[in-house]
Amino acid sequence: MYKRQRPHLGIGAHDEVDEDGPIVDLARLGDRLGDLELAWNVGARACLVKTGYGLGEIQYWMSGWKRQPDLIAENALDAALQIIESH
C-alpha cells in the first residue's frame, strides 16, 4: 500500500516561536528517503531508522542521496534516545 506524505501537517507546529527561537524542535522518523524529505521540507530533523526498509535504504541507496539523514538509529526507541541526548 502506498502511503502519501502530507508535509502541510507539520508546518504549523514549527512556526510557533518565542524570543529564544522555536518552541518545538521537530524530528521525524522514517525508513525511506521520502520520509526524510518530508522532515526537511517542514524544517524538522530527519532520522532514518534501520527497521522496515531502513537497512536496505542504507545499504543500497543512501550513498547516492543529495542529503544524508540527521540521525541514523537502530529503531524508534534508539531514535528517541538520540534526540533527547542531543538537547
Protein backbone atom coordinates (compact mmCIF):
# COMPACT_ATOMS: atom_id res chain seq x y z
CA MET A 1 0.00 0.00 0.00
CA TYR A 2 1.27 3.46 -0.91
CA LYS A 3 1.44 5.96 1.94
CA ARG A 4 1.01 9.56 0.76
CA GLN A 5 3.05 12.15 2.63
CA ARG A 6 1.32 15.33 3.82
CA PRO A 7 4.01 17.94 4.52
CA HIS A 8 1.46 20.60 5.46
CA LEU A 9 0.62 18.68 8.65
CA GLY A 10 3.93 19.57 10.31
CA ILE A 11 4.24 23.22 9.32
CA GLY A 12 2.09 24.86 11.99
CA ALA A 13 3.94 23.44 14.99
CA HIS A 14 7.32 24.53 13.71
CA ASP A 15 6.08 28.10 13.19
CA GLU A 16 5.41 28.56 16.92
CA VAL A 17 8.25 30.74 18.25
CA ASP A 18 9.20 32.80 21.24
CA GLU A 19 12.11 35.22 21.78
CA ASP A 20 14.57 32.32 22.08
CA GLY A 21 13.51 30.66 18.81
CA PRO A 22 11.18 27.79 18.03
CA ILE A 23 9.15 26.44 20.92
CA VAL A 24 9.30 22.95 19.48
CA ASP A 25 12.14 21.09 17.82
CA LEU A 26 10.61 18.70 15.36
CA ALA A 27 12.09 15.38 14.35
CA ARG A 28 10.56 12.84 12.01
CA LEU A 29 11.42 9.17 11.97
CA GLY A 30 11.28 7.19 8.78
CA ASP A 31 12.63 4.22 6.93
CA ARG A 32 12.58 5.65 3.39
CA LEU A 33 14.06 8.70 1.66
CA GLY A 34 10.56 10.16 1.20
CA ASP A 35 10.07 10.21 4.97
CA LEU A 36 13.31 12.14 5.40
CA GLU A 37 12.44 14.60 2.63
CA LEU A 38 9.13 15.31 4.35
CA ALA A 39 11.01 16.15 7.55
CA TRP A 40 13.40 18.50 5.77
CA ASN A 41 10.56 20.18 3.87
CA VAL A 42 8.88 21.22 7.13
CA GLY A 43 12.13 22.21 8.86
CA ALA A 44 12.40 19.11 11.05
CA ARG A 45 15.37 16.86 11.67
CA ALA A 46 15.23 13.59 9.76
CA CYS A 47 16.04 10.33 11.48
CA LEU A 48 16.44 7.16 9.44
CA VAL A 49 15.57 4.02 11.38
CA LYS A 50 17.09 0.69 10.33
CA THR A 51 13.81 -1.17 10.82
CA GLY A 52 11.40 -1.73 7.92
CA TYR A 53 13.05 -0.60 4.69
CA GLY A 54 15.71 1.42 6.53
CA LEU A 55 18.58 -1.04 6.44
CA GLY A 56 18.07 -1.65 2.71
CA GLU A 57 17.97 2.10 2.08
CA ILE A 58 21.32 2.44 3.87
CA GLN A 59 22.93 -0.48 2.04
CA TYR A 60 21.69 0.21 -1.48
CA TRP A 61 20.63 3.84 -1.89
CA MET A 62 21.91 6.23 0.77
CA SER A 63 25.33 6.82 -0.81
CA GLY A 64 23.59 8.49 -3.77
CA TRP A 65 21.33 10.80 -1.76
CA LYS A 66 21.95 14.55 -2.06
CA ARG A 67 21.49 14.93 1.69
CA GLN A 68 22.26 12.45 4.44
CA PRO A 69 19.98 11.76 7.44
CA ASP A 70 20.45 13.94 10.51
CA LEU A 71 20.39 10.78 12.65
CA ILE A 72 20.54 7.05 11.98
CA ALA A 73 19.02 4.80 14.62
CA GLU A 74 18.51 1.08 15.17
CA ASN A 75 14.78 1.56 15.91
CA ALA A 76 12.28 4.15 17.16
CA LEU A 77 13.41 3.86 20.79
CA ASP A 78 17.05 4.39 19.82
CA ALA A 79 15.99 7.40 17.72
CA ALA A 80 14.09 8.92 20.64
CA LEU A 81 17.05 8.46 22.97
CA GLN A 82 19.45 10.06 20.45
CA ILE A 83 17.09 13.02 20.00
CA ILE A 84 16.85 13.52 23.77
CA GLU A 85 20.63 13.24 24.21
CA SER A 86 21.22 15.86 21.53
CA HIS A 87 19.45 18.53 23.60
